[in-house]
Amino acid sequence: MSALLLNFRNTMILSFVLALIMIFSFGSAHGAFDGIFWQAVFRWMHVVFGILWIGLLYYFNFVQTRKMPEIPNELKPAISKYITPEALFWFRWSALFTVLAGIGIAALRGREYAEGVFSFGFAHPADAPFNRSYTLMGIGIWLAIIMFLNVWGVIWQNQKIALGIKEADADAKARAARIATLASRINTLLSLPMLTSMAMYQTFFG
């Protein structure tokens, strides 16, 4: 068992297999592998990728960015050349798949729900009452989309320069590092209201 656990890839493969067994078991208990089942599958993916995305966002802001000034200069390349690029890989791709899974959930819940939440509740039939819960969920969805665009359009583009992945002079690297840090802090700022929207909506409105 220790040999398996010391191998990260094998550990994750086994965890994924166990998760698939659980997913199939829930489908069997539900009695059908229907639209509700696939909503649950996409919500599972949304949560898994979201934990990875926001977890890495918090790692960067709670740990790495705060502690970097205390690391001796001769040790900083170990962070910038090995740890940060790897973390950014998982960071940006988990952001993409979190958003895609979330869009999948909205699509599977039907046109009325998707139009409602993406329009903050304003896309509703003339004879239907305004649904304030869609407004609250829509806020979370659009905050997540803004954060995703920030990851790919600002943070990653500037981190490539700051880390030397893309050629640039010292001034450009310093400027890019500052922009990436500020963009990351914006995502940290938006993360709690976004998560509040997601969690509270599921509790109150399902």
Protein backbone atom coordinates (compact mmCIF):
# COMPACT_ATOMS: atom_id res chain seq x y z
CA MET A 1 0.00 0.00 0.00
CA SER A 2 2.81 2.43 0.81
CA ALA A 3 4.31 1.84 -2.66
CA LEU A 4 0.99 2.83 -4.24
CA LEU A 5 0.60 5.92 -2.06
CA LEU A 6 4.15 7.09 -2.76
CA ASN A 7 3.35 7.10 -6.49
CA PHE A 8 1.20 10.17 -7.13
CA ARG A 9 -0.10 9.00 -10.52
CA ASN A 10 -1.20 5.60 -9.21
CA THR A 11 -2.81 7.19 -6.17
CA MET A 12 -4.91 9.47 -8.36
CA ILE A 13 -5.82 6.66 -10.76
CA LEU A 14 -7.11 4.56 -7.86
CA SER A 15 -8.99 7.54 -6.41
CA PHE A 16 -10.60 8.17 -9.81
CA VAL A 17 -11.61 4.52 -10.17
CA LEU A 18 -13.20 4.55 -6.70
CA ALA A 19 -15.02 7.77 -7.61
CA LEU A 20 -16.36 6.17 -10.82
CA ILE A 21 -17.68 3.25 -8.77
CA MET A 22 -19.44 5.72 -6.46
CA ILE A 23 -20.87 7.64 -9.43
CA PHE A 24 -22.23 4.45 -10.97
CA SER A 25 -23.67 3.43 -7.59
CA PHE A 26 -25.51 6.74 -7.29
CA GLY A 27 -26.92 6.26 -10.79
CA SER A 28 -28.11 2.78 -9.86
CA ALA A 29 -29.65 4.04 -6.61
CA HIS A 30 -31.39 6.82 -8.55
CA GLY A 31 -32.85 4.16 -10.82
CA ALA A 32 -31.88 5.76 -14.13
CA PHE A 33 -28.88 7.26 -15.90
CA ASP A 34 -30.95 10.21 -17.05
CA GLY A 35 -30.60 14.00 -17.14
CA ILE A 36 -30.53 14.24 -13.34
CA PHE A 37 -27.71 11.71 -13.24
CA TRP A 38 -25.66 13.71 -15.75
CA GLN A 39 -26.34 16.91 -13.82
CA ALA A 40 -24.82 15.17 -10.81
CA VAL A 41 -21.82 14.02 -12.85
CA PHE A 42 -21.17 17.53 -14.17
CA ARG A 43 -21.63 18.99 -10.68
CA TRP A 44 -19.06 16.48 -9.39
CA MET A 45 -16.61 17.60 -12.11
CA HIS A 46 -17.42 21.23 -11.35
CA VAL A 47 -16.57 20.72 -7.67
CA VAL A 48 -13.39 18.70 -8.31
CA PHE A 49 -11.94 21.15 -10.83
CA GLY A 50 -13.15 24.09 -8.74
CA ILE A 51 -11.36 22.84 -5.64
CA LEU A 52 -8.15 22.51 -7.64
CA TRP A 53 -8.55 25.96 -9.20
CA ILE A 54 -9.45 27.91 -6.08
CA GLY A 55 -7.06 25.85 -3.96
CA LEU A 56 -4.16 26.88 -6.18
CA LEU A 57 -5.39 30.49 -6.24
CA TYR A 58 -5.28 30.47 -2.44
CA TYR A 59 -1.89 28.74 -2.43
CA PHE A 60 -0.45 31.52 -4.59
CA ASN A 61 -1.98 34.30 -2.47
CA PHE A 62 -1.94 32.81 1.03
CA VAL A 63 1.50 31.20 0.76
CA GLN A 64 3.78 31.74 -2.23
CA THR A 65 3.36 35.45 -2.96
CA ARG A 66 3.45 36.34 0.75
CA LYS A 67 6.53 34.26 1.56
CA MET A 68 8.62 34.91 -1.57
CA PRO A 69 10.22 38.10 -0.16
CA GLU A 70 11.54 36.03 2.78
CA ILE A 71 13.19 33.40 0.57
CA PRO A 72 16.95 33.94 -0.02
CA ASN A 73 17.68 35.09 -3.57
CA GLU A 74 19.78 32.01 -4.33
CA LEU A 75 16.76 29.76 -3.55
CA LYS A 76 14.11 31.69 -5.49
CA PRO A 77 14.90 30.05 -8.87
CA ALA A 78 13.77 26.72 -7.39
CA ILE A 79 10.31 28.27 -6.96
CA SER A 80 10.13 30.24 -10.21
CA LYS A 81 11.58 27.54 -12.47
CA TYR A 82 9.98 24.41 -11.06
CA ILE A 83 7.09 24.95 -8.63
CA THR A 84 5.34 28.00 -10.11
CA PRO A 85 5.16 26.78 -13.76
CA GLU A 86 3.77 23.43 -12.62
CA ALA A 87 1.24 25.10 -10.33
CA LEU A 88 0.21 27.48 -13.12
CA PHE A 89 -0.38 24.55 -15.47
CA TRP A 90 -2.90 22.95 -13.13
CA PHE A 91 -4.25 26.39 -12.17
CA ARG A 92 -5.19 27.54 -15.65
CA TRP A 93 -6.55 24.21 -16.93
CA SER A 94 -8.61 23.58 -13.80
CA ALA A 95 -10.10 27.06 -14.27
CA LEU A 96 -11.13 26.17 -17.82
CA PHE A 97 -12.69 22.83 -16.89
CA THR A 98 -14.45 24.32 -13.86
CA VAL A 99 -16.20 26.83 -16.12
CA LEU A 100 -16.99 24.25 -18.80
CA ALA A 101 -18.50 21.89 -16.22
CA GLY A 102 -20.55 24.75 -14.79
CA ILE A 103 -21.88 25.63 -18.24
CA GLY A 104 -22.68 21.95 -18.71
CA ILE A 105 -24.76 21.96 -15.51
CA ALA A 106 -26.68 25.02 -16.66
CA ALA A 107 -27.37 23.45 -20.07
CA LEU A 108 -28.54 20.18 -18.53
CA ARG A 109 -30.92 22.00 -16.20
CA GLY A 110 -32.78 23.35 -19.21
CA ARG A 111 -33.21 26.49 -21.26
CA GLU A 112 -35.27 28.41 -18.69
CA TYR A 113 -32.64 27.92 -15.99
CA ALA A 114 -29.68 28.67 -18.27
CA GLU A 115 -31.25 31.83 -19.69
CA GLY A 116 -32.39 32.86 -16.23
CA VAL A 117 -29.05 32.64 -14.45
CA PHE A 118 -26.95 34.00 -17.32
CA SER A 119 -29.29 37.01 -17.60
CA PHE A 120 -29.52 37.60 -13.82
CA GLY A 121 -33.18 36.61 -14.00
CA PHE A 122 -34.21 39.17 -16.63
CA ALA A 123 -34.78 36.62 -19.42
CA HIS A 124 -38.14 35.34 -18.26
CA PRO A 125 -41.57 35.11 -19.89
CA ALA A 126 -43.67 38.24 -19.67
CA ASP A 127 -46.31 36.42 -17.63
CA ALA A 128 -43.77 34.91 -15.19
CA PRO A 129 -42.65 36.63 -11.98
CA PHE A 130 -39.08 37.88 -11.66
CA ASN A 131 -36.92 35.15 -10.10
CA ARG A 132 -34.48 36.79 -7.68
CA SER A 133 -32.70 33.49 -7.06
CA TYR A 134 -31.51 33.56 -10.68
CA THR A 135 -30.00 36.98 -10.02
CA LEU A 136 -28.04 35.66 -7.05
CA MET A 137 -26.80 32.61 -8.96
CA GLY A 138 -26.04 34.73 -12.02
CA ILE A 139 -23.74 36.92 -9.95
CA GLY A 140 -21.69 33.87 -8.98
CA ILE A 141 -21.60 32.54 -12.54
CA TRP A 142 -20.40 35.80 -14.04
CA LEU A 143 -17.85 36.35 -11.28
CA ALA A 144 -16.45 32.88 -12.08
CA ILE A 145 -16.33 33.69 -15.80
CA ILE A 146 -14.54 36.99 -15.09
CA MET A 147 -12.05 35.12 -12.91
CA PHE A 148 -11.51 32.51 -15.65
CA LEU A 149 -10.88 35.19 -18.28
CA ASN A 150 -8.51 36.88 -15.85
CA VAL A 151 -6.56 33.61 -15.43
CA TRP A 152 -6.04 33.05 -19.15
CA GLY A 153 -6.01 36.61 -20.44
CA VAL A 154 -4.03 38.43 -17.74
CA ILE A 155 -2.40 36.19 -15.12
CA TRP A 156 -1.02 33.52 -17.45
CA GLN A 157 0.04 35.97 -20.17
CA ASN A 158 2.00 38.05 -17.67
CA GLN A 159 3.39 35.08 -15.74
CA LYS A 160 4.93 33.78 -18.97
CA ILE A 161 6.91 37.01 -19.14
CA ALA A 162 7.70 37.19 -15.43
CA LEU A 163 8.97 33.59 -15.33
CA GLY A 164 11.07 33.91 -18.47
CA ILE A 165 8.95 31.49 -20.49
CA LYS A 166 8.54 34.36 -22.94
CA GLU A 167 11.62 36.48 -23.70
CA ALA A 168 11.63 39.93 -22.10
CA ASP A 169 14.01 42.37 -20.40
CA ALA A 170 14.23 42.86 -16.64
CA ASP A 171 11.89 45.86 -16.58
CA ALA A 172 9.24 44.03 -18.59
CA LYS A 173 9.52 41.02 -16.26
CA ALA A 174 9.08 43.20 -13.17
CA ARG A 175 6.07 44.97 -14.72
CA ALA A 176 4.51 41.67 -15.76
CA ALA A 177 5.03 40.19 -12.30
CA ARG A 178 3.23 43.16 -10.73
CA ILE A 179 0.31 42.92 -13.17
CA ALA A 180 0.01 39.16 -12.59
CA THR A 181 0.02 39.68 -8.82
CA LEU A 182 -2.67 42.36 -8.97
CA ALA A 183 -4.81 40.21 -11.28
CA SER A 184 -4.43 37.26 -8.91
CA ARG A 185 -5.46 39.46 -6.00
CA ILE A 186 -8.55 40.54 -7.95
CA ASN A 187 -9.49 36.87 -8.33
CA THR A 188 -8.89 36.33 -4.62
CA LEU A 189 -11.16 39.31 -3.91
CA LEU A 190 -13.91 37.90 -6.15
CA SER A 191 -13.55 34.32 -4.94
CA LEU A 192 -15.51 34.56 -1.68
CA PRO A 193 -18.59 36.31 -3.14
CA MET A 194 -18.48 33.85 -6.05
CA LEU A 195 -18.31 30.85 -3.73
CA THR A 196 -21.02 32.35 -1.52
CA SER A 197 -23.34 32.63 -4.51
CA MET A 198 -22.70 29.03 -5.56
CA ALA A 199 -23.01 27.47 -2.10
CA MET A 200 -25.95 29.53 -0.84
CA TYR A 201 -27.95 29.00 -4.03
CA GLN A 202 -27.60 25.23 -3.80
CA THR A 203 -28.67 25.28 -0.14
CA PHE A 204 -31.70 27.53 -0.55
CA PHE A 205 -32.89 26.79 -4.09
CA GLY A 206 -31.25 23.51 -5.16
